[in-house]
Amino acid sequence: MVRRRCLEQRAKQRVTMATNFRISVAASGVLALCMCVAPLRTPSGTTPNIKHIAMGRCFNYITLVNPGIRSDCEEIWQAFEEAVLGQTSCDVAAERYRRMFRAMPQMGACDRFLLWSKTRMLIQDYTAVARDLWTLEDTLAGYMFNDLVWCGQREDSDFNFGSCPEWSACLHHPVNSLWRQASKIFGEMACGNVTVLLNGSIEKAFNRNSMFGSVELDSLNPLRVRYVNIKVVTNLDGPFIESCTKGSVVDLIHILQARGFRWTCSDNDRILTILQCVRKPDHSACRTRADSQAVK
C-alpha cells in the first residue's frame, strides 16, 4: 500500500484548491478532478538520501505543519534504523517499529478521521477542499515516509540502495510493515464520525486484503466511533460497478453492523461529484449539473 504523495506539495495546493473551488462553484456549480487508482511503484532500491528526506520532513512537520506536538526527530530516525538495518528485506515485522511510533505520539481531533481505499488521486484534492478531514498522511509518520522506499540487508549495516523486493514478495516487507503499524495506530485513534471513501468503479471497492480492510477497519473501536460514513464514488465515465447496495460495499456494511457500528452510505456525494469535473468540465454529467444549477 504505497499510498503517499508528498504532503509538502499538498500543503501548498490547499489554499489554491480551496479558492478555485469557491470561485468555480459560484460561477457554474461545477468543479472537476479525475479519479483514478495510482499504480504501485516498483522500487529498485532504497530511496537515495532517505535520511535527509525523512529528517527534513520531520523538522518541517514539528516546526511548521503541527508545532503543537513534541517529538525528537533524531530519536525517531534512530528507532527507524534500528527496526530496518541489519535485517533481510523480508524480515521486518510491524512490531519492530513500535519504538519509533512511541517516539512520535500524536492525537487527532474527533470527527475528522478519513480512511480510504483505491481513491488516492481523488483523496488528495478532497482533503484540500474539506480541510477538516485528517488522513494517515497527515500524521507525522505519514508525512515523513510518504512515497519513500527502503530495505536493509543482513550482511551490511546500511540500507540496500541497489535492490528492494516488491511489497507482494514477502509478508514482512519493511515498507509494508511500517504502514501496517501506522494504519493500526491511526484506526485506534479514530473517534466521533469517521469517513470512508471507496472507489465504486472497481471490483472489490472494499477489499478485506487492503490496508483499510485488513488493518484500519479492525482497529476501529465502536465505543469511540459514533458513525462510519461511507462514501462510494465512481469515475464520471464509469464503469459503475459497486454502490451502497451492490458489491463488496454491502459486505463492509454487514461487518460494521455485526461489530455494533452505526453507519451511513452515500453514492452521490455532492462535493465528490463536483470535484470529478475539474479536469472534465465538458463531460455530460458536469453539464447536466451546471444546467440544473442555472435553472435554480
C-alpha atoms as a PDB file:
ATOM      1  CA  MET A   1       0.000   0.000   0.000  1.00  0.00           C
ATOM      2  CA  VAL A   2       2.082   2.786  -1.092  1.00  0.00           C
ATOM      3  CA  ARG A   3      -0.343   5.490  -0.580  1.00  0.00           C
ATOM      4  CA  ARG A   4       1.502   8.551  -0.441  1.00  0.00           C
ATOM      5  CA  ARG A   5       2.252  11.774  -2.152  1.00  0.00           C
ATOM      6  CA  CYS A   6       4.497  14.364  -0.566  1.00  0.00           C
ATOM      7  CA  LEU A   7       2.409  16.459   1.819  1.00  0.00           C
ATOM      8  CA  GLU A   8       4.644  19.447   1.324  1.00  0.00           C
ATOM      9  CA  GLN A   9       3.032  19.781  -2.118  1.00  0.00           C
ATOM     10  CA  ARG A  10      -0.415  19.150  -0.677  1.00  0.00           C
ATOM     11  CA  ALA A  11       0.002  21.917   1.859  1.00  0.00           C
ATOM     12  CA  LYS A  12       0.907  24.403  -0.895  1.00  0.00           C
ATOM     13  CA  GLN A  13      -2.012  23.262  -3.053  1.00  0.00           C
ATOM     14  CA  ARG A  14      -4.687  23.552  -0.382  1.00  0.00           C
ATOM     15  CA  VAL A  15      -5.120  27.328  -0.447  1.00  0.00           C
ATOM     16  CA  THR A  16      -5.219  27.401  -4.253  1.00  0.00           C
ATOM     17  CA  MET A  17      -7.606  24.458  -4.442  1.00  0.00           C
ATOM     18  CA  ALA A  18      -9.971  25.909  -1.863  1.00  0.00           C
ATOM     19  CA  THR A  19     -10.008  29.306  -3.615  1.00  0.00           C
ATOM     20  CA  ASN A  20     -10.647  27.778  -7.049  1.00  0.00           C
ATOM     21  CA  PHE A  21     -13.334  25.600  -5.537  1.00  0.00           C
ATOM     22  CA  ARG A  22     -15.306  28.569  -4.191  1.00  0.00           C
ATOM     23  CA  ILE A  23     -14.923  30.598  -7.386  1.00  0.00           C
ATOM     24  CA  SER A  24     -15.935  27.757  -9.712  1.00  0.00           C
ATOM     25  CA  VAL A  25     -18.954  26.730  -7.664  1.00  0.00           C
ATOM     26  CA  ALA A  26     -20.223  30.300  -7.575  1.00  0.00           C
ATOM     27  CA  ALA A  27     -19.824  30.618 -11.334  1.00  0.00           C
ATOM     28  CA  SER A  28     -21.241  27.378 -12.603  1.00  0.00           C
ATOM     29  CA  GLY A  29     -21.663  24.871  -9.797  1.00  0.00           C
ATOM     30  CA  VAL A  30     -19.032  22.703 -11.424  1.00  0.00           C
ATOM     31  CA  LEU A  31     -15.562  21.548 -10.476  1.00  0.00           C
ATOM     32  CA  ALA A  32     -13.677  18.510 -11.597  1.00  0.00           C
ATOM     33  CA  LEU A  33     -10.965  16.134 -10.836  1.00  0.00           C
ATOM     34  CA  CYS A  34     -10.479  12.772 -12.400  1.00  0.00           C
ATOM     35  CA  MET A  35     -10.435   9.890 -10.009  1.00  0.00           C
ATOM     36  CA  CYS A  36      -8.007   7.109 -10.734  1.00  0.00           C
ATOM     37  CA  VAL A  37      -6.105   4.454  -8.910  1.00  0.00           C
ATOM     38  CA  ALA A  38      -2.409   5.219  -8.651  1.00  0.00           C
ATOM     39  CA  PRO A  39      -0.303   2.188  -9.550  1.00  0.00           C
ATOM     40  CA  LEU A  40       2.166   0.915  -7.025  1.00  0.00           C
ATOM     41  CA  ARG A  41       5.683   1.948  -7.873  1.00  0.00           C
ATOM     42  CA  THR A  42       8.086  -0.912  -8.297  1.00  0.00           C
ATOM     43  CA  PRO A  43      11.089   0.067  -6.189  1.00  0.00           C
ATOM     44  CA  SER A  44      14.614  -0.689  -7.371  1.00  0.00           C
ATOM     45  CA  GLY A  45      16.224   0.054  -4.040  1.00  0.00           C
ATOM     46  CA  THR A  46      16.116   2.339  -1.021  1.00  0.00           C
ATOM     47  CA  THR A  47      15.263   5.928  -1.931  1.00  0.00           C
ATOM     48  CA  PRO A  48      18.540   7.866  -2.309  1.00  0.00           C
ATOM     49  CA  ASN A  49      19.188  10.342   0.520  1.00  0.00           C
ATOM     50  CA  ILE A  50      16.363   8.808   2.511  1.00  0.00           C
ATOM     51  CA  LYS A  51      17.739  10.056   5.842  1.00  0.00           C
ATOM     52  CA  HIS A  52      17.973  13.662   4.673  1.00  0.00           C
ATOM     53  CA  ILE A  53      14.468  13.498   3.181  1.00  0.00           C
ATOM     54  CA  ALA A  54      12.830  11.922   6.232  1.00  0.00           C
ATOM     55  CA  MET A  55      14.654  14.110   8.736  1.00  0.00           C
ATOM     56  CA  GLY A  56      13.889  17.258   6.751  1.00  0.00           C
ATOM     57  CA  ARG A  57      10.212  16.348   6.661  1.00  0.00           C
ATOM     58  CA  CYS A  58      10.237  15.617  10.377  1.00  0.00           C
ATOM     59  CA  PHE A  59      11.697  19.021  11.280  1.00  0.00           C
ATOM     60  CA  ASN A  60       9.275  20.727   8.900  1.00  0.00           C
ATOM     61  CA  TYR A  61       6.326  18.904  10.443  1.00  0.00           C
ATOM     62  CA  ILE A  62       7.086  19.677  14.095  1.00  0.00           C
ATOM     63  CA  THR A  63       8.117  23.263  13.268  1.00  0.00           C
ATOM     64  CA  LEU A  64       5.531  24.388  10.702  1.00  0.00           C
ATOM     65  CA  VAL A  65       2.865  21.784   9.990  1.00  0.00           C
ATOM     66  CA  ASN A  66       1.984  20.749  13.533  1.00  0.00           C
ATOM     67  CA  PRO A  67       4.126  22.695  16.017  1.00  0.00           C
ATOM     68  CA  GLY A  68       1.904  21.599  18.876  1.00  0.00           C
ATOM     69  CA  ILE A  69       3.452  18.129  19.074  1.00  0.00           C
ATOM     70  CA  ARG A  70       6.683  17.348  20.871  1.00  0.00           C
ATOM     71  CA  SER A  71       8.875  14.826  19.087  1.00  0.00           C
ATOM     72  CA  ASP A  72      12.619  14.274  18.760  1.00  0.00           C
ATOM     73  CA  CYS A  73      13.444  13.741  15.075  1.00  0.00           C
ATOM     74  CA  GLU A  74      16.845  12.244  15.876  1.00  0.00           C
ATOM     75  CA  GLU A  75      15.280   9.704  18.222  1.00  0.00           C
ATOM     76  CA  ILE A  76      12.657   8.811  15.621  1.00  0.00           C
ATOM     77  CA  TRP A  77      15.283   8.236  12.938  1.00  0.00           C
ATOM     78  CA  GLN A  78      17.469   6.134  15.241  1.00  0.00           C
ATOM     79  CA  ALA A  79      14.467   3.930  16.088  1.00  0.00           C
ATOM     80  CA  PHE A  80      13.661   3.638  12.382  1.00  0.00           C
ATOM     81  CA  GLU A  81      17.193   2.494  11.571  1.00  0.00           C
ATOM     82  CA  GLU A  82      17.105   0.069  14.482  1.00  0.00           C
ATOM     83  CA  ALA A  83      13.971  -1.535  13.022  1.00  0.00           C
ATOM     84  CA  VAL A  84      15.310  -1.890   9.469  1.00  0.00           C
ATOM     85  CA  LEU A  85      19.088  -2.147   9.368  1.00  0.00           C
ATOM     86  CA  GLY A  86      20.816  -5.490   9.789  1.00  0.00           C
ATOM     87  CA  GLN A  87      17.631  -7.296   8.721  1.00  0.00           C
ATOM     88  CA  THR A  88      16.907  -9.062   5.473  1.00  0.00           C
ATOM     89  CA  SER A  89      14.471  -7.396   3.099  1.00  0.00           C
ATOM     90  CA  CYS A  90      11.651  -9.712   4.147  1.00  0.00           C
ATOM     91  CA  ASP A  91      12.309  -9.949   7.877  1.00  0.00           C
ATOM     92  CA  VAL A  92      10.928  -6.693   9.304  1.00  0.00           C
ATOM     93  CA  ALA A  93       7.656  -7.316  11.144  1.00  0.00           C
ATOM     94  CA  ALA A  94       5.373  -4.402  12.036  1.00  0.00           C
ATOM     95  CA  GLU A  95       6.238  -4.808  15.718  1.00  0.00           C
ATOM     96  CA  ARG A  96       9.822  -3.742  15.041  1.00  0.00           C
ATOM     97  CA  TYR A  97       8.577  -0.169  14.518  1.00  0.00           C
ATOM     98  CA  ARG A  98       6.939   0.120  17.938  1.00  0.00           C
ATOM     99  CA  ARG A  99       9.778   2.114  19.499  1.00  0.00           C
ATOM    100  CA  MET A 100       9.708   4.529  16.586  1.00  0.00           C
ATOM    101  CA  PHE A 101       5.990   5.139  16.973  1.00  0.00           C
ATOM    102  CA  ARG A 102       6.340   5.604  20.712  1.00  0.00           C
ATOM    103  CA  ALA A 103       8.716   8.464  19.896  1.00  0.00           C
ATOM    104  CA  MET A 104       6.079  10.228  17.768  1.00  0.00           C
ATOM    105  CA  PRO A 105       2.871  10.472  19.853  1.00  0.00           C
ATOM    106  CA  GLN A 106       0.020  12.235  18.118  1.00  0.00           C
ATOM    107  CA  MET A 107      -3.736  12.517  18.581  1.00  0.00           C
ATOM    108  CA  GLY A 108      -6.249  13.743  16.031  1.00  0.00           C
ATOM    109  CA  ALA A 109      -9.464  15.595  16.800  1.00  0.00           C
ATOM    110  CA  CYS A 110     -12.665  13.549  16.717  1.00  0.00           C
ATOM    111  CA  ASP A 111     -14.962  13.750  13.663  1.00  0.00           C
ATOM    112  CA  ARG A 112     -12.008  14.430  11.341  1.00  0.00           C
ATOM    113  CA  PHE A 113     -10.700  10.939  10.510  1.00  0.00           C
ATOM    114  CA  LEU A 114     -10.798   9.954   6.838  1.00  0.00           C
ATOM    115  CA  LEU A 115      -9.988   6.400   5.735  1.00  0.00           C
ATOM    116  CA  TRP A 116      -9.779   5.435   2.069  1.00  0.00           C
ATOM    117  CA  SER A 117      -9.011   2.660  -0.354  1.00  0.00           C
ATOM    118  CA  LYS A 118      -8.135   2.854  -4.069  1.00  0.00           C
ATOM    119  CA  THR A 119      -9.067   6.545  -4.292  1.00  0.00           C
ATOM    120  CA  ARG A 120      -5.617   8.061  -3.973  1.00  0.00           C
ATOM    121  CA  MET A 121      -5.814  10.758  -6.654  1.00  0.00           C
ATOM    122  CA  LEU A 122      -9.218  11.998  -5.526  1.00  0.00           C
ATOM    123  CA  ILE A 123      -8.445  11.914  -1.807  1.00  0.00           C
ATOM    124  CA  GLN A 124      -5.662  14.461  -2.086  1.00  0.00           C
ATOM    125  CA  ASP A 125      -7.975  17.050  -3.605  1.00  0.00           C
ATOM    126  CA  TYR A 126     -10.943  16.134  -1.437  1.00  0.00           C
ATOM    127  CA  THR A 127      -8.917  16.929   1.681  1.00  0.00           C
ATOM    128  CA  ALA A 128      -7.674  20.141   0.053  1.00  0.00           C
ATOM    129  CA  VAL A 129     -11.290  21.308  -0.071  1.00  0.00           C
ATOM    130  CA  ALA A 130     -12.653  19.566   3.034  1.00  0.00           C
ATOM    131  CA  ARG A 131      -9.875  20.870   5.251  1.00  0.00           C
ATOM    132  CA  ASP A 132     -11.270  19.474   8.478  1.00  0.00           C
ATOM    133  CA  LEU A 133     -10.637  15.888   7.363  1.00  0.00           C
ATOM    134  CA  TRP A 134      -7.481  14.146   8.542  1.00  0.00           C
ATOM    135  CA  THR A 135      -5.824  11.196   6.785  1.00  0.00           C
ATOM    136  CA  LEU A 136      -2.950   8.912   7.674  1.00  0.00           C
ATOM    137  CA  GLU A 137      -0.736  11.117   5.527  1.00  0.00           C
ATOM    138  CA  ASP A 138      -1.406  13.990   7.916  1.00  0.00           C
ATOM    139  CA  THR A 139       0.258  12.168  10.807  1.00  0.00           C
ATOM    140  CA  LEU A 140       3.966  12.585  11.484  1.00  0.00           C
ATOM    141  CA  ALA A 141       4.715   9.041  10.291  1.00  0.00           C
ATOM    142  CA  GLY A 142       2.699   9.548   7.109  1.00  0.00           C
ATOM    143  CA  TYR A 143       4.347  12.888   6.460  1.00  0.00           C
ATOM    144  CA  MET A 144       7.866  11.560   6.970  1.00  0.00           C
ATOM    145  CA  PHE A 145       7.713   8.349   4.952  1.00  0.00           C
ATOM    146  CA  ASN A 146       5.190   9.159   2.230  1.00  0.00           C
ATOM    147  CA  ASP A 147       6.327   7.664  -1.129  1.00  0.00           C
ATOM    148  CA  LEU A 148       9.709   6.526   0.190  1.00  0.00           C
ATOM    149  CA  VAL A 149      11.132   3.025  -0.309  1.00  0.00           C
ATOM    150  CA  TRP A 150      13.614   1.275   1.942  1.00  0.00           C
ATOM    151  CA  CYS A 151      15.081  -2.067   2.932  1.00  0.00           C
ATOM    152  CA  GLY A 152      18.128  -3.298   4.786  1.00  0.00           C
ATOM    153  CA  GLN A 153      20.447  -6.256   4.309  1.00  0.00           C
ATOM    154  CA  ARG A 154      21.728  -8.885   6.694  1.00  0.00           C
ATOM    155  CA  GLU A 155      25.335  -8.695   5.533  1.00  0.00           C
ATOM    156  CA  ASP A 156      25.634  -4.904   5.800  1.00  0.00           C
ATOM    157  CA  SER A 157      24.732  -2.272   8.385  1.00  0.00           C
ATOM    158  CA  ASP A 158      23.496   0.165   5.732  1.00  0.00           C
ATOM    159  CA  PHE A 159      20.344   0.379   3.632  1.00  0.00           C
ATOM    160  CA  ASN A 160      20.199  -1.585   0.408  1.00  0.00           C
ATOM    161  CA  PHE A 161      20.248   1.097  -2.281  1.00  0.00           C
ATOM    162  CA  GLY A 162      20.592  -1.395  -5.098  1.00  0.00           C
ATOM    163  CA  SER A 163      17.545  -3.613  -4.814  1.00  0.00           C
ATOM    164  CA  CYS A 164      14.452  -3.985  -2.620  1.00  0.00           C
ATOM    165  CA  PRO A 165      11.715  -6.586  -3.162  1.00  0.00           C
ATOM    166  CA  GLU A 166       8.216  -5.651  -4.218  1.00  0.00           C
ATOM    167  CA  TRP A 167       5.631  -5.493  -1.471  1.00  0.00           C
ATOM    168  CA  SER A 168       3.945  -8.674  -2.608  1.00  0.00           C
ATOM    169  CA  ALA A 169       7.186 -10.637  -2.460  1.00  0.00           C
ATOM    170  CA  CYS A 170       7.070 -11.291   1.285  1.00  0.00           C
ATOM    171  CA  LEU A 171       4.905 -10.984   4.376  1.00  0.00           C
ATOM    172  CA  HIS A 172       7.263  -8.804   6.429  1.00  0.00           C
ATOM    173  CA  HIS A 173       8.333  -6.277   3.829  1.00  0.00           C
ATOM    174  CA  PRO A 174       9.852  -3.294   5.721  1.00  0.00           C
ATOM    175  CA  VAL A 175       7.753  -0.663   3.929  1.00  0.00           C
ATOM    176  CA  ASN A 176       4.533  -2.625   4.205  1.00  0.00           C
ATOM    177  CA  SER A 177       5.174  -3.331   7.887  1.00  0.00           C
ATOM    178  CA  LEU A 178       5.622   0.342   8.732  1.00  0.00           C
ATOM    179  CA  TRP A 179       2.373   1.285   7.021  1.00  0.00           C
ATOM    180  CA  ARG A 180       0.544  -1.565   8.711  1.00  0.00           C
ATOM    181  CA  GLN A 181       1.692  -0.348  12.107  1.00  0.00           C
ATOM    182  CA  ALA A 182       0.863   3.260  11.218  1.00  0.00           C
ATOM    183  CA  SER A 183      -2.586   2.232   9.939  1.00  0.00           C
ATOM    184  CA  LYS A 184      -3.295   0.234  13.095  1.00  0.00           C
ATOM    185  CA  ILE A 185      -2.478   3.209  15.305  1.00  0.00           C
ATOM    186  CA  PHE A 186      -4.490   5.560  13.084  1.00  0.00           C
ATOM    187  CA  GLY A 187      -7.532   3.281  13.248  1.00  0.00           C
ATOM    188  CA  GLU A 188      -7.259   3.003  17.024  1.00  0.00           C
ATOM    189  CA  MET A 189      -7.107   6.798  17.315  1.00  0.00           C
ATOM    190  CA  ALA A 190     -10.285   7.344  15.260  1.00  0.00           C
ATOM    191  CA  CYS A 191     -13.240   8.778  17.155  1.00  0.00           C
ATOM    192  CA  GLY A 192     -16.530  10.523  16.538  1.00  0.00           C
ATOM    193  CA  ASN A 193     -17.752  10.458  12.942  1.00  0.00           C
ATOM    194  CA  VAL A 194     -15.351   8.612  10.638  1.00  0.00           C
ATOM    195  CA  THR A 195     -15.480   8.980   6.846  1.00  0.00           C
ATOM    196  CA  VAL A 196     -14.546   6.128   4.488  1.00  0.00           C
ATOM    197  CA  LEU A 197     -14.031   6.830   0.775  1.00  0.00           C
ATOM    198  CA  LEU A 198     -14.224   3.891  -1.654  1.00  0.00           C
ATOM    199  CA  ASN A 199     -13.901   3.530  -5.429  1.00  0.00           C
ATOM    200  CA  GLY A 200     -17.109   2.225  -6.971  1.00  0.00           C
ATOM    201  CA  SER A 201     -15.515   1.876 -10.424  1.00  0.00           C
ATOM    202  CA  ILE A 202     -13.553  -1.229  -9.472  1.00  0.00           C
ATOM    203  CA  GLU A 203     -14.497  -4.678  -8.293  1.00  0.00           C
ATOM    204  CA  LYS A 204     -13.949  -5.143  -4.570  1.00  0.00           C
ATOM    205  CA  ALA A 205     -14.203  -1.487  -3.696  1.00  0.00           C
ATOM    206  CA  PHE A 206     -13.978  -2.880  -0.190  1.00  0.00           C
ATOM    207  CA  ASN A 207     -11.157  -5.399  -0.190  1.00  0.00           C
ATOM    208  CA  ARG A 208     -10.542  -7.349   3.014  1.00  0.00           C
ATOM    209  CA  ASN A 209      -6.870  -7.662   1.998  1.00  0.00           C
ATOM    210  CA  SER A 210      -6.315  -3.925   1.582  1.00  0.00           C
ATOM    211  CA  MET A 211      -4.737  -1.793   4.299  1.00  0.00           C
ATOM    212  CA  PHE A 212      -8.149  -0.376   5.132  1.00  0.00           C
ATOM    213  CA  GLY A 213      -9.876  -3.768   5.082  1.00  0.00           C
ATOM    214  CA  SER A 214      -7.234  -5.761   6.927  1.00  0.00           C
ATOM    215  CA  VAL A 215      -5.877  -3.208   9.411  1.00  0.00           C
ATOM    216  CA  GLU A 216      -7.750   0.072   9.818  1.00  0.00           C
ATOM    217  CA  LEU A 217     -11.246  -1.420   9.874  1.00  0.00           C
ATOM    218  CA  ASP A 218     -10.329  -3.974  12.525  1.00  0.00           C
ATOM    219  CA  SER A 219      -8.685  -1.244  14.600  1.00  0.00           C
ATOM    220  CA  LEU A 220     -11.813   0.933  14.802  1.00  0.00           C
ATOM    221  CA  ASN A 221     -13.463   0.892  18.223  1.00  0.00           C
ATOM    222  CA  PRO A 222     -17.300   1.061  18.229  1.00  0.00           C
ATOM    223  CA  LEU A 223     -17.135   2.651  21.674  1.00  0.00           C
ATOM    224  CA  ARG A 224     -15.115   5.576  20.284  1.00  0.00           C
ATOM    225  CA  VAL A 225     -16.628   5.867  16.800  1.00  0.00           C
ATOM    226  CA  ARG A 226     -20.107   7.398  16.597  1.00  0.00           C
ATOM    227  CA  TYR A 227     -20.784   6.761  12.907  1.00  0.00           C
ATOM    228  CA  VAL A 228     -18.884   5.283   9.973  1.00  0.00           C
ATOM    229  CA  ASN A 229     -19.923   7.371   6.975  1.00  0.00           C
ATOM    230  CA  ILE A 230     -19.175   5.501   3.737  1.00  0.00           C
ATOM    231  CA  LYS A 231     -18.888   7.465   0.502  1.00  0.00           C
ATOM    232  CA  VAL A 232     -18.748   5.457  -2.729  1.00  0.00           C
ATOM    233  CA  VAL A 233     -17.597   7.399  -5.781  1.00  0.00           C
ATOM    234  CA  THR A 234     -17.288   6.258  -9.395  1.00  0.00           C
ATOM    235  CA  ASN A 235     -15.433   7.739 -12.352  1.00  0.00           C
ATOM    236  CA  LEU A 236     -17.526  10.065 -14.490  1.00  0.00           C
ATOM    237  CA  ASP A 237     -17.230   7.619 -17.400  1.00  0.00           C
ATOM    238  CA  GLY A 238     -17.706   4.585 -15.195  1.00  0.00           C
ATOM    239  CA  PRO A 239     -17.658   1.708 -15.021  1.00  0.00           C
ATOM    240  CA  PHE A 240     -20.393   1.809 -12.372  1.00  0.00           C
ATOM    241  CA  ILE A 241     -19.626  -1.456 -10.648  1.00  0.00           C
ATOM    242  CA  GLU A 242     -20.323  -1.052  -6.944  1.00  0.00           C
ATOM    243  CA  SER A 243     -22.572   1.077  -4.754  1.00  0.00           C
ATOM    244  CA  CYS A 244     -24.079   1.173  -1.282  1.00  0.00           C
ATOM    245  CA  THR A 245     -26.473  -1.587  -2.304  1.00  0.00           C
ATOM    246  CA  LYS A 246     -24.262  -3.665  -4.590  1.00  0.00           C
ATOM    247  CA  GLY A 247     -20.972  -5.486  -4.434  1.00  0.00           C
ATOM    248  CA  SER A 248     -18.372  -5.583  -1.693  1.00  0.00           C
ATOM    249  CA  VAL A 249     -19.649  -2.370  -0.085  1.00  0.00           C
ATOM    250  CA  VAL A 250     -22.574  -4.447   1.183  1.00  0.00           C
ATOM    251  CA  ASP A 251     -20.054  -6.782   2.814  1.00  0.00           C
ATOM    252  CA  LEU A 252     -18.477  -3.812   4.584  1.00  0.00           C
ATOM    253  CA  ILE A 253     -21.864  -2.704   5.882  1.00  0.00           C
ATOM    254  CA  HIS A 254     -22.538  -6.205   7.226  1.00  0.00           C
ATOM    255  CA  ILE A 255     -19.204  -6.173   9.062  1.00  0.00           C
ATOM    256  CA  LEU A 256     -19.978  -2.793  10.591  1.00  0.00           C
ATOM    257  CA  GLN A 257     -23.408  -3.963  11.692  1.00  0.00           C
ATOM    258  CA  ALA A 258     -22.020  -7.149  13.217  1.00  0.00           C
ATOM    259  CA  ARG A 259     -19.485  -5.143  15.235  1.00  0.00           C
ATOM    260  CA  GLY A 260     -22.096  -2.717  16.518  1.00  0.00           C
ATOM    261  CA  PHE A 261     -21.170   0.362  14.462  1.00  0.00           C
ATOM    262  CA  ARG A 262     -23.758   2.851  13.313  1.00  0.00           C
ATOM    263  CA  TRP A 263     -23.234   3.795   9.679  1.00  0.00           C
ATOM    264  CA  THR A 264     -24.380   5.784   6.679  1.00  0.00           C
ATOM    265  CA  CYS A 265     -23.627   5.249   2.993  1.00  0.00           C
ATOM    266  CA  SER A 266     -23.802   7.626   0.040  1.00  0.00           C
ATOM    267  CA  ASP A 267     -23.329   7.012  -3.692  1.00  0.00           C
ATOM    268  CA  ASN A 268     -23.807  10.623  -4.763  1.00  0.00           C
ATOM    269  CA  ASP A 269     -21.805  12.897  -2.506  1.00  0.00           C
ATOM    270  CA  ARG A 270     -22.177  16.383  -3.979  1.00  0.00           C
ATOM    271  CA  ILE A 271     -18.635  17.601  -3.300  1.00  0.00           C
ATOM    272  CA  LEU A 272     -17.078  14.439  -4.705  1.00  0.00           C
ATOM    273  CA  THR A 273     -19.247  14.643  -7.812  1.00  0.00           C
ATOM    274  CA  ILE A 274     -18.297  18.280  -8.325  1.00  0.00           C
ATOM    275  CA  LEU A 275     -14.614  17.566  -7.795  1.00  0.00           C
ATOM    276  CA  GLN A 276     -14.562  14.991 -10.565  1.00  0.00           C
ATOM    277  CA  CYS A 277     -15.485  17.670 -13.080  1.00  0.00           C
ATOM    278  CA  VAL A 278     -12.355  19.774 -12.561  1.00  0.00           C
ATOM    279  CA  ARG A 279     -10.480  18.145 -15.445  1.00  0.00           C
ATOM    280  CA  LYS A 280     -13.590  17.233 -17.419  1.00  0.00           C
ATOM    281  CA  PRO A 281     -15.838  20.314 -17.281  1.00  0.00           C
ATOM    282  CA  ASP A 282     -17.398  19.402 -20.634  1.00  0.00           C
ATOM    283  CA  HIS A 283     -18.453  15.942 -19.523  1.00  0.00           C
ATOM    284  CA  SER A 284     -22.194  15.366 -19.931  1.00  0.00           C
ATOM    285  CA  ALA A 285     -22.628  14.683 -16.214  1.00  0.00           C
ATOM    286  CA  CYS A 286     -20.998  18.017 -15.400  1.00  0.00           C
ATOM    287  CA  ARG A 287     -23.048  19.945 -17.954  1.00  0.00           C
ATOM    288  CA  THR A 288     -26.234  18.421 -16.558  1.00  0.00           C
ATOM    289  CA  ARG A 289     -25.306  19.557 -13.056  1.00  0.00           C
ATOM    290  CA  ALA A 290     -24.396  23.041 -14.288  1.00  0.00           C
ATOM    291  CA  ASP A 291     -27.704  23.333 -16.167  1.00  0.00           C
ATOM    292  CA  SER A 292     -29.666  22.308 -13.084  1.00  0.00           C
ATOM    293  CA  GLN A 293     -27.823  24.935 -11.020  1.00  0.00           C
ATOM    294  CA  ALA A 294     -28.629  27.583 -13.644  1.00  0.00           C
ATOM    295  CA  VAL A 295     -32.335  26.684 -13.591  1.00  0.00           C
ATOM    296  CA  LYS A 296     -32.466  27.134  -9.829  1.00  0.00           C
END
